[in-house]
Amino acid sequence: MPDISKIEARDVTGDYNIDDGIDVTGKKPVKITIDESEYTVDSWRQMLISFLNDLWKKDSRSLEIVKGDDRLNNMLFNAKRSLAELDNGMDIETNYSAAVILAIIAKISELCDITDQVSYMLK
């Protein structure tokens, strides 16, 4: 039997593409990059807000694509636990775990065909 007390958890700090599928539990984001735009963040909630604000600024029709997906629409625009206001005045739900927020951003990136343009940095 190997001595598992000596095996350390894989260090996941660094840069990742939005679709890399890593376990972000217990990690904090420090930056999200969308195309050429970089945003410093200090929480997963702030990362979601920055991502959606950028999406809105670059193409307001993108949020209509998001609202057109029933599951995302219910999660972001119909839940009423911990709301945050976007720059466009819309309220979104932000009370989700790191893994769920990352999955939301990845799904939206896929729907809007920008997956290859979105990355983030963990510390």
C-alpha atoms as a PDB file:
ATOM      1  CA  MET A   1       0.000   0.000   0.000  1.00  0.00           C
ATOM      2  CA  PRO A   2       1.355   3.476  -0.836  1.00  0.00           C
ATOM      3  CA  ASP A   3       1.699   5.961   1.984  1.00  0.00           C
ATOM      4  CA  ILE A   4      -1.027   8.425   0.988  1.00  0.00           C
ATOM      5  CA  SER A   5      -0.117  10.822   3.781  1.00  0.00           C
ATOM      6  CA  LYS A   6       2.880  11.827   1.652  1.00  0.00           C
ATOM      7  CA  ILE A   7       0.867  12.442  -1.530  1.00  0.00           C
ATOM      8  CA  GLU A   8       0.035  16.107  -1.948  1.00  0.00           C
ATOM      9  CA  ALA A   9      -2.999  17.436  -3.769  1.00  0.00           C
ATOM     10  CA  ARG A  10      -2.266  18.651  -7.290  1.00  0.00           C
ATOM     11  CA  ASP A  11      -1.545  22.339  -7.306  1.00  0.00           C
ATOM     12  CA  VAL A  12      -4.044  24.002  -9.621  1.00  0.00           C
ATOM     13  CA  THR A  13      -2.822  27.587  -9.457  1.00  0.00           C
ATOM     14  CA  GLY A  14      -2.165  29.259 -12.798  1.00  0.00           C
ATOM     15  CA  ASP A  15      -3.958  30.003 -16.069  1.00  0.00           C
ATOM     16  CA  TYR A  16      -6.714  27.814 -17.519  1.00  0.00           C
ATOM     17  CA  ASN A  17      -9.066  27.868 -20.466  1.00  0.00           C
ATOM     18  CA  ILE A  18     -12.714  27.990 -19.471  1.00  0.00           C
ATOM     19  CA  ASP A  19     -13.321  24.441 -20.727  1.00  0.00           C
ATOM     20  CA  ASP A  20     -10.317  22.781 -19.004  1.00  0.00           C
ATOM     21  CA  GLY A  21     -12.543  21.048 -16.452  1.00  0.00           C
ATOM     22  CA  ILE A  22     -10.372  21.269 -13.341  1.00  0.00           C
ATOM     23  CA  ASP A  23     -11.537  21.048  -9.726  1.00  0.00           C
ATOM     24  CA  VAL A  24     -11.590  24.609  -8.405  1.00  0.00           C
ATOM     25  CA  THR A  25     -12.882  23.778  -4.940  1.00  0.00           C
ATOM     26  CA  GLY A  26     -11.036  25.858  -2.380  1.00  0.00           C
ATOM     27  CA  LYS A  27      -9.299  28.008  -4.994  1.00  0.00           C
ATOM     28  CA  LYS A  28      -9.809  31.707  -5.648  1.00  0.00           C
ATOM     29  CA  PRO A  29      -9.887  33.353  -9.046  1.00  0.00           C
ATOM     30  CA  VAL A  30      -7.664  36.385  -9.534  1.00  0.00           C
ATOM     31  CA  LYS A  31      -8.322  37.216 -13.183  1.00  0.00           C
ATOM     32  CA  ILE A  32     -10.671  36.425 -16.052  1.00  0.00           C
ATOM     33  CA  THR A  33      -9.674  37.147 -19.636  1.00  0.00           C
ATOM     34  CA  ILE A  34     -12.263  37.454 -22.392  1.00  0.00           C
ATOM     35  CA  ASP A  35     -10.771  37.954 -25.834  1.00  0.00           C
ATOM     36  CA  GLU A  36      -8.361  40.879 -25.277  1.00  0.00           C
ATOM     37  CA  SER A  37     -10.018  42.172 -22.082  1.00  0.00           C
ATOM     38  CA  GLU A  38      -8.653  41.278 -18.638  1.00  0.00           C
ATOM     39  CA  TYR A  39     -10.561  41.758 -15.383  1.00  0.00           C
ATOM     40  CA  THR A  40      -9.075  41.427 -11.914  1.00  0.00           C
ATOM     41  CA  VAL A  41     -11.458  39.571  -9.602  1.00  0.00           C
ATOM     42  CA  ASP A  42     -11.343  38.442  -5.990  1.00  0.00           C
ATOM     43  CA  SER A  43     -14.270  36.011  -5.902  1.00  0.00           C
ATOM     44  CA  TRP A  44     -16.184  33.596  -8.113  1.00  0.00           C
ATOM     45  CA  ARG A  45     -19.230  35.881  -7.795  1.00  0.00           C
ATOM     46  CA  GLN A  46     -17.234  38.825  -9.129  1.00  0.00           C
ATOM     47  CA  MET A  47     -15.885  36.642 -11.952  1.00  0.00           C
ATOM     48  CA  LEU A  48     -19.445  35.804 -13.072  1.00  0.00           C
ATOM     49  CA  ILE A  49     -20.479  39.471 -12.923  1.00  0.00           C
ATOM     50  CA  SER A  50     -17.391  40.636 -14.852  1.00  0.00           C
ATOM     51  CA  PHE A  51     -17.960  37.948 -17.490  1.00  0.00           C
ATOM     52  CA  LEU A  52     -21.622  38.875 -18.025  1.00  0.00           C
ATOM     53  CA  ASN A  53     -20.850  42.616 -18.070  1.00  0.00           C
ATOM     54  CA  ASP A  54     -18.183  42.035 -20.731  1.00  0.00           C
ATOM     55  CA  LEU A  55     -20.554  39.869 -22.738  1.00  0.00           C
ATOM     56  CA  TRP A  56     -23.211  42.598 -22.628  1.00  0.00           C
ATOM     57  CA  LYS A  57     -20.786  45.368 -23.613  1.00  0.00           C
ATOM     58  CA  LYS A  58     -19.388  43.468 -26.596  1.00  0.00           C
ATOM     59  CA  ASP A  59     -22.703  42.123 -27.929  1.00  0.00           C
ATOM     60  CA  SER A  60     -25.982  42.817 -26.144  1.00  0.00           C
ATOM     61  CA  ARG A  61     -27.624  40.007 -28.118  1.00  0.00           C
ATOM     62  CA  SER A  62     -25.475  37.500 -26.225  1.00  0.00           C
ATOM     63  CA  LEU A  63     -27.562  37.913 -23.072  1.00  0.00           C
ATOM     64  CA  GLU A  64     -30.649  37.139 -25.145  1.00  0.00           C
ATOM     65  CA  ILE A  65     -28.944  33.863 -26.153  1.00  0.00           C
ATOM     66  CA  VAL A  66     -28.390  33.151 -22.452  1.00  0.00           C
ATOM     67  CA  LYS A  67     -32.009  33.955 -21.616  1.00  0.00           C
ATOM     68  CA  GLY A  68     -33.071  31.640 -24.430  1.00  0.00           C
ATOM     69  CA  ASP A  69     -31.523  28.657 -22.610  1.00  0.00           C
ATOM     70  CA  ASP A  70     -34.183  27.581 -20.077  1.00  0.00           C
ATOM     71  CA  ARG A  71     -31.771  26.225 -17.480  1.00  0.00           C
ATOM     72  CA  LEU A  72     -29.434  29.246 -17.553  1.00  0.00           C
ATOM     73  CA  ASN A  73     -32.401  31.620 -17.588  1.00  0.00           C
ATOM     74  CA  ASN A  74     -33.832  29.993 -14.463  1.00  0.00           C
ATOM     75  CA  MET A  75     -30.488  29.883 -12.673  1.00  0.00           C
ATOM     76  CA  LEU A  76     -29.414  33.444 -13.430  1.00  0.00           C
ATOM     77  CA  PHE A  77     -32.550  35.501 -13.888  1.00  0.00           C
ATOM     78  CA  ASN A  78     -35.333  33.751 -11.944  1.00  0.00           C
ATOM     79  CA  ALA A  79     -33.643  32.746  -8.674  1.00  0.00           C
ATOM     80  CA  LYS A  80     -33.893  35.354  -5.900  1.00  0.00           C
ATOM     81  CA  ARG A  81     -31.401  34.456  -3.154  1.00  0.00           C
ATOM     82  CA  SER A  82     -28.319  36.630  -3.641  1.00  0.00           C
ATOM     83  CA  LEU A  83     -28.812  39.114  -6.443  1.00  0.00           C
ATOM     84  CA  ALA A  84     -26.203  41.308  -8.075  1.00  0.00           C
ATOM     85  CA  GLU A  85     -26.899  44.069 -10.566  1.00  0.00           C
ATOM     86  CA  LEU A  86     -25.118  44.071 -13.914  1.00  0.00           C
ATOM     87  CA  ASP A  87     -24.003  47.276 -15.619  1.00  0.00           C
ATOM     88  CA  ASN A  88     -27.087  47.084 -17.863  1.00  0.00           C
ATOM     89  CA  GLY A  89     -29.418  47.130 -14.827  1.00  0.00           C
ATOM     90  CA  MET A  90     -30.371  43.450 -14.941  1.00  0.00           C
ATOM     91  CA  ASP A  91     -30.266  41.443 -11.711  1.00  0.00           C
ATOM     92  CA  ILE A  92     -28.628  38.017 -11.686  1.00  0.00           C
ATOM     93  CA  GLU A  93     -28.386  35.268  -9.087  1.00  0.00           C
ATOM     94  CA  THR A  94     -24.840  34.757  -7.790  1.00  0.00           C
ATOM     95  CA  ASN A  95     -25.314  32.362  -4.864  1.00  0.00           C
ATOM     96  CA  TYR A  96     -23.515  29.376  -6.411  1.00  0.00           C
ATOM     97  CA  SER A  97     -20.407  27.355  -5.671  1.00  0.00           C
ATOM     98  CA  ALA A  98     -17.154  27.921  -7.543  1.00  0.00           C
ATOM     99  CA  ALA A  99     -17.732  24.810  -9.657  1.00  0.00           C
ATOM    100  CA  VAL A 100     -21.262  25.888 -10.624  1.00  0.00           C
ATOM    101  CA  ILE A 101     -20.164  29.425 -11.545  1.00  0.00           C
ATOM    102  CA  LEU A 102     -17.362  28.003 -13.665  1.00  0.00           C
ATOM    103  CA  ALA A 103     -19.855  25.650 -15.354  1.00  0.00           C
ATOM    104  CA  ILE A 104     -22.240  28.572 -16.022  1.00  0.00           C
ATOM    105  CA  ILE A 105     -19.463  30.636 -17.634  1.00  0.00           C
ATOM    106  CA  ALA A 106     -18.319  27.621 -19.678  1.00  0.00           C
ATOM    107  CA  LYS A 107     -21.885  26.936 -20.905  1.00  0.00           C
ATOM    108  CA  ILE A 108     -22.465  30.578 -21.833  1.00  0.00           C
ATOM    109  CA  SER A 109     -19.094  30.648 -23.616  1.00  0.00           C
ATOM    110  CA  GLU A 110     -20.144  27.589 -25.597  1.00  0.00           C
ATOM    111  CA  LEU A 111     -23.558  29.043 -26.485  1.00  0.00           C
ATOM    112  CA  CYS A 112     -21.975  32.305 -27.645  1.00  0.00           C
ATOM    113  CA  ASP A 113     -19.146  30.495 -29.461  1.00  0.00           C
ATOM    114  CA  ILE A 114     -16.374  32.224 -27.497  1.00  0.00           C
ATOM    115  CA  THR A 115     -14.965  29.240 -25.551  1.00  0.00           C
ATOM    116  CA  ASP A 116     -11.531  29.684 -27.130  1.00  0.00           C
ATOM    117  CA  GLN A 117     -11.474  33.346 -26.017  1.00  0.00           C
ATOM    118  CA  VAL A 118     -12.181  32.851 -22.290  1.00  0.00           C
ATOM    119  CA  SER A 119      -9.544  31.954 -19.688  1.00  0.00           C
ATOM    120  CA  TYR A 120      -8.985  32.554 -16.001  1.00  0.00           C
ATOM    121  CA  MET A 121      -6.227  32.537 -13.404  1.00  0.00           C
ATOM    122  CA  LEU A 122      -6.342  30.867  -9.983  1.00  0.00           C
ATOM    123  CA  LYS A 123      -4.241  31.465  -6.920  1.00  0.00           C
END
